[in-house]
Amino acid sequence: MEGDSVTLHINTAEIQRDDLIMCGYQSSLKTFLVRINREDNTVSVNADDHDGMFRDRLQVDDQTGDLTITNITTQHSGLYQLIISGKEKNFNGFKVTVYEQQNSTEKLTQEQGESTLTSDSNSTLHSVLTHRKHDSVSNSKVSSE
């Protein structure tokens, strides 16, 4: 669905000056979408893998590590894996599921504030975002009905 965006928010309290932050899609731990190296202040975006489905769609806030995927469609549903590596390794996961229906909506926001989903099209977008941190899981269902 053209025009929609989802932002995966990083808990900046966990990020240290020398940390390496990597975000991957689905089971592809070897190929990351985004790599932020805090030590040398570099940001690398690899949007051409995954058959180019992320090309021209990724925006990274290099200060917070937040990843925004623009023009999101149902093909962007799946697990987004986050690794913050430094003195300790932290693993987080965001499960994004996008459903398209015939209604109108202006803006949808996840209740727990972990991720934000907006819609500029003439259809209803339902999304279930699951934030995984270590062994705990929390779900938030977003709907405009």
N, C-alpha and C. Protein backbone atom coordinates (compact mmCIF):
# COMPACT_ATOMS: atom_id res chain seq x y z
N MET A 1 0.84 -1.16 0.00
CA MET A 1 0.00 0.00 0.00
C MET A 1 0.89 1.23 0.00
N GLU A 2 0.86 1.95 -1.04
CA GLU A 2 1.73 3.12 -1.19
C GLU A 2 1.36 4.21 -0.18
N GLY A 3 2.40 4.92 0.31
CA GLY A 3 2.17 6.06 1.18
C GLY A 3 2.20 5.78 2.66
N ASP A 4 2.25 4.52 3.08
CA ASP A 4 2.26 4.19 4.50
C ASP A 4 3.68 4.05 5.00
N SER A 5 3.86 4.29 6.30
CA SER A 5 5.19 4.18 6.92
C SER A 5 5.07 3.47 8.26
N VAL A 6 6.12 2.78 8.64
CA VAL A 6 6.23 2.20 9.98
C VAL A 6 7.61 2.55 10.51
N THR A 7 7.66 2.97 11.77
CA THR A 7 8.92 3.32 12.42
C THR A 7 9.20 2.33 13.54
N LEU A 8 10.35 1.70 13.49
CA LEU A 8 10.79 0.81 14.56
C LEU A 8 11.68 1.62 15.48
N HIS A 9 11.18 1.87 16.69
CA HIS A 9 11.90 2.71 17.64
C HIS A 9 12.88 1.88 18.45
N ILE A 10 14.07 2.41 18.60
CA ILE A 10 15.12 1.77 19.38
C ILE A 10 15.10 2.40 20.77
N ASN A 11 15.31 1.60 21.81
CA ASN A 11 15.41 2.13 23.16
C ASN A 11 16.79 2.76 23.32
N THR A 12 16.88 4.08 23.19
CA THR A 12 18.17 4.76 23.18
C THR A 12 18.90 4.67 24.52
N ALA A 13 18.19 4.32 25.58
CA ALA A 13 18.86 4.17 26.88
C ALA A 13 19.85 3.01 26.86
N GLU A 14 19.63 2.06 25.95
CA GLU A 14 20.52 0.89 25.86
C GLU A 14 21.75 1.15 25.00
N ILE A 15 21.76 2.22 24.23
CA ILE A 15 22.83 2.45 23.27
C ILE A 15 23.97 3.24 23.92
N GLN A 16 25.17 2.72 23.80
CA GLN A 16 26.36 3.37 24.34
C GLN A 16 27.15 3.99 23.19
N ARG A 17 28.15 4.77 23.53
CA ARG A 17 28.95 5.48 22.51
C ARG A 17 29.65 4.56 21.53
N ASP A 18 30.09 3.40 21.98
CA ASP A 18 30.87 2.52 21.11
C ASP A 18 30.07 1.32 20.60
N ASP A 19 28.76 1.37 20.70
CA ASP A 19 27.93 0.25 20.28
C ASP A 19 27.80 0.16 18.76
N LEU A 20 27.54 -1.06 18.31
CA LEU A 20 27.24 -1.35 16.92
C LEU A 20 25.78 -1.78 16.87
N ILE A 21 24.97 -1.11 16.06
CA ILE A 21 23.54 -1.39 15.97
C ILE A 21 23.27 -1.94 14.58
N MET A 22 22.62 -3.11 14.51
CA MET A 22 22.31 -3.72 13.23
C MET A 22 20.85 -4.14 13.22
N CYS A 23 20.19 -3.92 12.10
CA CYS A 23 18.79 -4.31 11.95
C CYS A 23 18.65 -5.15 10.70
N GLY A 24 18.08 -6.34 10.84
CA GLY A 24 17.88 -7.24 9.72
C GLY A 24 16.42 -7.58 9.54
N TYR A 25 16.10 -8.23 8.43
CA TYR A 25 14.72 -8.59 8.09
C TYR A 25 14.61 -10.10 7.95
N GLN A 26 13.55 -10.65 8.54
CA GLN A 26 13.24 -12.08 8.51
C GLN A 26 14.40 -12.89 9.09
N SER A 27 14.77 -13.96 8.46
CA SER A 27 15.80 -14.83 9.01
C SER A 27 17.19 -14.48 8.49
N SER A 28 17.33 -13.32 7.88
CA SER A 28 18.60 -12.95 7.28
C SER A 28 19.49 -12.20 8.27
N LEU A 29 20.11 -12.94 9.16
CA LEU A 29 21.02 -12.32 10.13
C LEU A 29 22.34 -11.94 9.49
N LYS A 30 22.66 -12.53 8.34
CA LYS A 30 23.93 -12.23 7.69
C LYS A 30 23.85 -10.96 6.84
N THR A 31 22.66 -10.62 6.39
CA THR A 31 22.49 -9.43 5.55
C THR A 31 21.61 -8.44 6.29
N PHE A 32 22.20 -7.36 6.74
CA PHE A 32 21.46 -6.38 7.51
C PHE A 32 20.97 -5.24 6.64
N LEU A 33 19.80 -4.72 6.98
CA LEU A 33 19.25 -3.56 6.29
C LEU A 33 20.01 -2.30 6.68
N VAL A 34 20.33 -2.19 7.97
CA VAL A 34 20.98 -1.00 8.50
C VAL A 34 22.06 -1.42 9.48
N ARG A 35 23.18 -0.71 9.41
CA ARG A 35 24.29 -0.94 10.34
C ARG A 35 24.77 0.44 10.80
N ILE A 36 24.68 0.69 12.12
CA ILE A 36 25.13 1.96 12.69
C ILE A 36 26.30 1.66 13.61
N ASN A 37 27.45 2.23 13.30
CA ASN A 37 28.63 2.05 14.13
C ASN A 37 28.86 3.34 14.91
N ARG A 38 28.56 3.30 16.21
CA ARG A 38 28.68 4.49 17.06
C ARG A 38 30.14 4.90 17.25
N GLU A 39 31.04 3.92 17.24
CA GLU A 39 32.45 4.22 17.50
C GLU A 39 33.05 5.11 16.42
N ASP A 40 32.79 4.79 15.14
CA ASP A 40 33.35 5.63 14.07
C ASP A 40 32.28 6.49 13.39
N ASN A 41 31.08 6.57 13.99
CA ASN A 41 30.02 7.46 13.52
C ASN A 41 29.61 7.21 12.07
N THR A 42 29.43 5.95 11.69
CA THR A 42 29.02 5.62 10.32
C THR A 42 27.65 4.94 10.31
N VAL A 43 26.91 5.18 9.25
CA VAL A 43 25.62 4.55 9.03
C VAL A 43 25.65 3.92 7.64
N SER A 44 25.38 2.61 7.57
CA SER A 44 25.33 1.90 6.29
C SER A 44 23.91 1.38 6.08
N VAL A 45 23.35 1.63 4.91
CA VAL A 45 22.02 1.14 4.56
C VAL A 45 22.18 0.19 3.39
N ASN A 46 21.63 -1.02 3.52
CA ASN A 46 21.71 -2.03 2.48
C ASN A 46 20.29 -2.36 2.02
N ALA A 47 19.73 -1.53 1.17
CA ALA A 47 18.34 -1.68 0.75
C ALA A 47 18.18 -2.53 -0.51
N ASP A 48 19.25 -2.96 -1.12
CA ASP A 48 19.15 -3.68 -2.39
C ASP A 48 18.95 -5.18 -2.23
N ASP A 49 19.23 -5.73 -1.05
CA ASP A 49 18.95 -7.15 -0.83
C ASP A 49 17.45 -7.35 -0.68
N HIS A 50 17.04 -8.59 -0.50
CA HIS A 50 15.62 -8.94 -0.38
C HIS A 50 14.86 -8.52 -1.65
N ASP A 51 15.45 -8.80 -2.80
CA ASP A 51 14.85 -8.50 -4.11
C ASP A 51 14.52 -7.02 -4.28
N GLY A 52 15.24 -6.16 -3.59
CA GLY A 52 15.07 -4.72 -3.74
C GLY A 52 13.80 -4.16 -3.13
N MET A 53 13.10 -4.94 -2.30
CA MET A 53 11.82 -4.46 -1.77
C MET A 53 11.97 -3.30 -0.79
N PHE A 54 13.19 -3.03 -0.32
CA PHE A 54 13.41 -1.90 0.58
C PHE A 54 14.08 -0.72 -0.13
N ARG A 55 14.36 -0.86 -1.41
CA ARG A 55 15.03 0.21 -2.16
C ARG A 55 14.21 1.49 -2.10
N ASP A 56 14.86 2.60 -1.76
CA ASP A 56 14.24 3.93 -1.65
C ASP A 56 13.13 3.98 -0.59
N ARG A 57 13.15 3.08 0.37
CA ARG A 57 12.10 3.04 1.40
C ARG A 57 12.64 3.18 2.82
N LEU A 58 13.95 3.09 3.01
CA LEU A 58 14.52 3.10 4.36
C LEU A 58 15.03 4.48 4.74
N GLN A 59 14.66 4.90 5.95
CA GLN A 59 15.17 6.13 6.52
C GLN A 59 15.68 5.80 7.91
N VAL A 60 16.89 6.23 8.23
CA VAL A 60 17.50 5.94 9.52
C VAL A 60 17.81 7.24 10.23
N ASP A 61 17.40 7.31 11.49
CA ASP A 61 17.81 8.43 12.33
C ASP A 61 19.11 8.01 12.99
N ASP A 62 20.23 8.57 12.53
CA ASP A 62 21.53 8.11 13.03
C ASP A 62 21.78 8.52 14.48
N GLN A 63 20.98 9.41 15.03
CA GLN A 63 21.11 9.78 16.45
C GLN A 63 20.42 8.76 17.36
N THR A 64 19.21 8.34 16.97
CA THR A 64 18.43 7.43 17.82
C THR A 64 18.50 5.99 17.36
N GLY A 65 18.84 5.76 16.10
CA GLY A 65 18.83 4.41 15.55
C GLY A 65 17.47 3.99 15.02
N ASP A 66 16.45 4.86 15.15
CA ASP A 66 15.11 4.52 14.66
C ASP A 66 15.15 4.25 13.16
N LEU A 67 14.43 3.21 12.75
CA LEU A 67 14.36 2.82 11.34
C LEU A 67 12.93 3.03 10.86
N THR A 68 12.76 3.83 9.82
CA THR A 68 11.45 4.06 9.22
C THR A 68 11.43 3.44 7.83
N ILE A 69 10.40 2.64 7.59
CA ILE A 69 10.19 2.05 6.27
C ILE A 69 9.00 2.79 5.66
N THR A 70 9.24 3.47 4.55
CA THR A 70 8.18 4.25 3.90
C THR A 70 7.52 3.42 2.81
N ASN A 71 6.35 3.84 2.38
CA ASN A 71 5.60 3.14 1.33
C ASN A 71 5.45 1.66 1.65
N ILE A 72 5.11 1.34 2.88
CA ILE A 72 5.04 -0.05 3.32
C ILE A 72 3.86 -0.76 2.67
N THR A 73 4.07 -2.02 2.33
CA THR A 73 3.01 -2.86 1.76
C THR A 73 2.97 -4.17 2.54
N THR A 74 2.06 -5.05 2.17
CA THR A 74 1.95 -6.33 2.86
C THR A 74 3.22 -7.16 2.71
N GLN A 75 4.00 -6.95 1.66
CA GLN A 75 5.25 -7.72 1.49
C GLN A 75 6.29 -7.35 2.54
N HIS A 76 6.10 -6.24 3.25
CA HIS A 76 7.02 -5.83 4.30
C HIS A 76 6.66 -6.45 5.65
N SER A 77 5.61 -7.26 5.69
CA SER A 77 5.27 -7.98 6.92
C SER A 77 6.38 -8.95 7.26
N GLY A 78 6.64 -9.12 8.54
CA GLY A 78 7.65 -10.09 8.96
C GLY A 78 8.37 -9.64 10.21
N LEU A 79 9.42 -10.36 10.54
CA LEU A 79 10.20 -10.10 11.74
C LEU A 79 11.41 -9.24 11.40
N TYR A 80 11.54 -8.14 12.10
CA TYR A 80 12.70 -7.26 11.98
C TYR A 80 13.53 -7.46 13.23
N GLN A 81 14.78 -7.87 13.04
CA GLN A 81 15.66 -8.21 14.15
C GLN A 81 16.66 -7.09 14.39
N LEU A 82 16.85 -6.77 15.65
CA LEU A 82 17.75 -5.71 16.05
C LEU A 82 18.79 -6.27 17.01
N ILE A 83 20.05 -5.99 16.72
CA ILE A 83 21.14 -6.38 17.61
C ILE A 83 21.92 -5.13 17.98
N ILE A 84 22.04 -4.89 19.28
CA ILE A 84 22.89 -3.81 19.79
C ILE A 84 24.07 -4.50 20.44
N SER A 85 25.24 -4.32 19.84
CA SER A 85 26.43 -5.05 20.27
C SER A 85 27.47 -4.07 20.81
N GLY A 86 27.91 -4.32 22.01
CA GLY A 86 28.95 -3.52 22.66
C GLY A 86 29.56 -4.37 23.75
N LYS A 87 29.57 -3.85 24.96
CA LYS A 87 30.05 -4.64 26.09
C LYS A 87 29.14 -5.84 26.31
N GLU A 88 27.86 -5.65 26.06
CA GLU A 88 26.88 -6.72 26.11
C GLU A 88 26.13 -6.74 24.79
N LYS A 89 25.51 -7.87 24.47
CA LYS A 89 24.69 -7.95 23.26
C LYS A 89 23.23 -7.95 23.68
N ASN A 90 22.45 -7.09 23.05
CA ASN A 90 21.00 -7.05 23.26
C ASN A 90 20.32 -7.40 21.96
N PHE A 91 19.34 -8.29 22.04
CA PHE A 91 18.58 -8.70 20.86
C PHE A 91 17.13 -8.26 21.04
N ASN A 92 16.61 -7.58 20.06
CA ASN A 92 15.21 -7.17 20.04
C ASN A 92 14.60 -7.62 18.73
N GLY A 93 13.30 -7.79 18.72
CA GLY A 93 12.62 -8.13 17.49
C GLY A 93 11.31 -7.37 17.38
N PHE A 94 10.98 -6.97 16.17
CA PHE A 94 9.72 -6.31 15.89
C PHE A 94 9.00 -7.14 14.84
N LYS A 95 7.84 -7.66 15.19
CA LYS A 95 7.05 -8.40 14.20
C LYS A 95 6.00 -7.45 13.64
N VAL A 96 6.07 -7.22 12.35
CA VAL A 96 5.15 -6.30 11.68
C VAL A 96 4.26 -7.11 10.75
N THR A 97 2.95 -7.01 10.94
CA THR A 97 1.98 -7.66 10.08
C THR A 97 1.06 -6.60 9.53
N VAL A 98 0.95 -6.52 8.22
CA VAL A 98 0.15 -5.49 7.56
C VAL A 98 -1.01 -6.17 6.83
N TYR A 99 -2.23 -5.73 7.12
CA TYR A 99 -3.43 -6.21 6.43
C TYR A 99 -4.08 -5.02 5.75
N GLU A 100 -4.59 -5.23 4.56
CA GLU A 100 -5.24 -4.15 3.81
C GLU A 100 -6.73 -4.46 3.67
N GLN A 101 -7.60 -3.46 3.97
CA GLN A 101 -9.04 -3.59 3.80
C GLN A 101 -9.60 -2.32 3.18
N GLN A 102 -10.85 -2.35 2.76
CA GLN A 102 -11.48 -1.20 2.11
C GLN A 102 -12.21 -0.32 3.12
N ASN A 103 -11.58 0.68 3.64
CA ASN A 103 -12.13 1.74 4.48
C ASN A 103 -11.14 2.88 4.41
N SER A 104 -11.41 3.97 5.09
CA SER A 104 -10.45 5.07 5.06
C SER A 104 -9.90 5.32 6.45
N THR A 105 -8.69 5.83 6.49
CA THR A 105 -8.04 6.12 7.77
C THR A 105 -7.05 7.24 7.56
N GLU A 106 -6.78 7.97 8.60
CA GLU A 106 -5.79 9.05 8.52
C GLU A 106 -4.49 8.66 9.20
N LYS A 107 -4.57 8.20 10.46
CA LYS A 107 -3.34 7.87 11.17
C LYS A 107 -3.60 6.78 12.19
N LEU A 108 -2.69 5.84 12.29
CA LEU A 108 -2.74 4.78 13.28
C LEU A 108 -1.48 4.86 14.12
N THR A 109 -1.62 4.69 15.42
CA THR A 109 -0.45 4.73 16.30
C THR A 109 -0.50 3.54 17.23
N GLN A 110 0.61 2.87 17.40
CA GLN A 110 0.68 1.74 18.31
C GLN A 110 0.47 2.24 19.73
N GLU A 111 -0.35 1.54 20.50
CA GLU A 111 -0.72 1.96 21.83
C GLU A 111 0.45 2.05 22.79
N GLN A 112 1.40 1.16 22.71
CA GLN A 112 2.50 1.15 23.66
C GLN A 112 3.62 2.11 23.28
N GLY A 113 3.55 2.73 22.13
CA GLY A 113 4.53 3.73 21.74
C GLY A 113 5.84 3.20 21.21
N GLU A 114 5.97 1.90 21.00
CA GLU A 114 7.23 1.35 20.49
C GLU A 114 7.42 1.66 19.02
N SER A 115 6.35 1.60 18.25
CA SER A 115 6.44 1.86 16.82
C SER A 115 5.24 2.66 16.37
N THR A 116 5.39 3.40 15.31
CA THR A 116 4.32 4.24 14.80
C THR A 116 4.01 3.83 13.38
N LEU A 117 2.72 3.77 13.06
CA LEU A 117 2.27 3.38 11.74
C LEU A 117 1.32 4.44 11.23
N THR A 118 1.58 4.99 10.05
CA THR A 118 0.69 6.00 9.49
C THR A 118 0.19 5.54 8.13
N SER A 119 -0.97 6.05 7.75
CA SER A 119 -1.56 5.69 6.46
C SER A 119 -2.07 6.94 5.77
N ASP A 120 -1.69 7.11 4.52
CA ASP A 120 -2.16 8.25 3.73
C ASP A 120 -3.08 7.81 2.60
N SER A 121 -3.44 6.53 2.56
CA SER A 121 -4.24 6.03 1.44
C SER A 121 -5.70 5.90 1.85
N ASN A 122 -6.53 5.41 0.93
CA ASN A 122 -7.95 5.25 1.17
C ASN A 122 -8.30 3.83 1.56
N SER A 123 -7.53 3.22 2.41
CA SER A 123 -7.84 1.88 2.90
C SER A 123 -7.47 1.79 4.37
N THR A 124 -8.09 0.86 5.05
CA THR A 124 -7.78 0.65 6.46
C THR A 124 -6.58 -0.26 6.55
N LEU A 125 -5.69 0.08 7.41
CA LEU A 125 -4.50 -0.73 7.62
C LEU A 125 -4.53 -1.25 9.03
N HIS A 126 -4.55 -2.56 9.19
CA HIS A 126 -4.50 -3.18 10.50
C HIS A 126 -3.10 -3.71 10.69
N SER A 127 -2.57 -3.53 11.85
CA SER A 127 -1.21 -3.98 12.09
C SER A 127 -1.09 -4.54 13.49
N VAL A 128 -0.37 -5.62 13.61
CA VAL A 128 -0.01 -6.15 14.91
C VAL A 128 1.49 -6.05 15.00
N LEU A 129 1.98 -5.28 15.96
CA LEU A 129 3.40 -5.10 16.16
C LEU A 129 3.78 -5.81 17.45
N THR A 130 4.73 -6.68 17.38
CA THR A 130 5.19 -7.38 18.56
C THR A 130 6.61 -6.95 18.83
N HIS A 131 6.87 -6.50 20.03
CA HIS A 131 8.21 -6.08 20.41
C HIS A 131 8.79 -7.16 21.32
N ARG A 132 9.88 -7.76 20.90
CA ARG A 132 10.54 -8.80 21.69
C ARG A 132 11.83 -8.25 22.25
N LYS A 133 12.02 -8.46 23.52
CA LYS A 133 13.27 -8.06 24.14
C LYS A 133 13.66 -9.19 25.08
N HIS A 134 14.75 -9.81 24.77
CA HIS A 134 15.22 -10.98 25.51
C HIS A 134 14.12 -12.03 25.47
N ASP A 135 13.57 -12.45 26.62
CA ASP A 135 12.55 -13.49 26.63
C ASP A 135 11.14 -12.95 26.81
N SER A 136 10.97 -11.65 27.00
CA SER A 136 9.63 -11.12 27.21
C SER A 136 9.04 -10.65 25.88
N VAL A 137 7.74 -10.79 25.74
CA VAL A 137 7.05 -10.41 24.52
C VAL A 137 5.85 -9.56 24.89
N SER A 138 5.65 -8.46 24.19
CA SER A 138 4.44 -7.67 24.38
C SER A 138 3.81 -7.42 23.02
N ASN A 139 2.50 -7.51 22.95
CA ASN A 139 1.77 -7.31 21.69
C ASN A 139 0.92 -6.06 21.79
N SER A 140 0.79 -5.37 20.69
CA SER A 140 -0.14 -4.25 20.58
C SER A 140 -0.85 -4.39 19.25
N LYS A 141 -2.16 -4.34 19.27
CA LYS A 141 -2.92 -4.40 18.02
C LYS A 141 -3.42 -3.00 17.71
N VAL A 142 -3.23 -2.59 16.49
CA VAL A 142 -3.62 -1.26 16.05
C VAL A 142 -4.70 -1.41 15.01
N SER A 143 -5.80 -0.69 15.17
CA SER A 143 -6.89 -0.76 14.21
C SER A 143 -7.58 0.59 14.18
N SER A 144 -8.12 0.95 13.05
CA SER A 144 -8.79 2.24 12.93
C SER A 144 -10.31 2.09 12.91
N GLU A 145 -10.82 0.92 13.21
CA GLU A 145 -12.26 0.69 13.17
C GLU A 145 -12.94 1.34 14.35
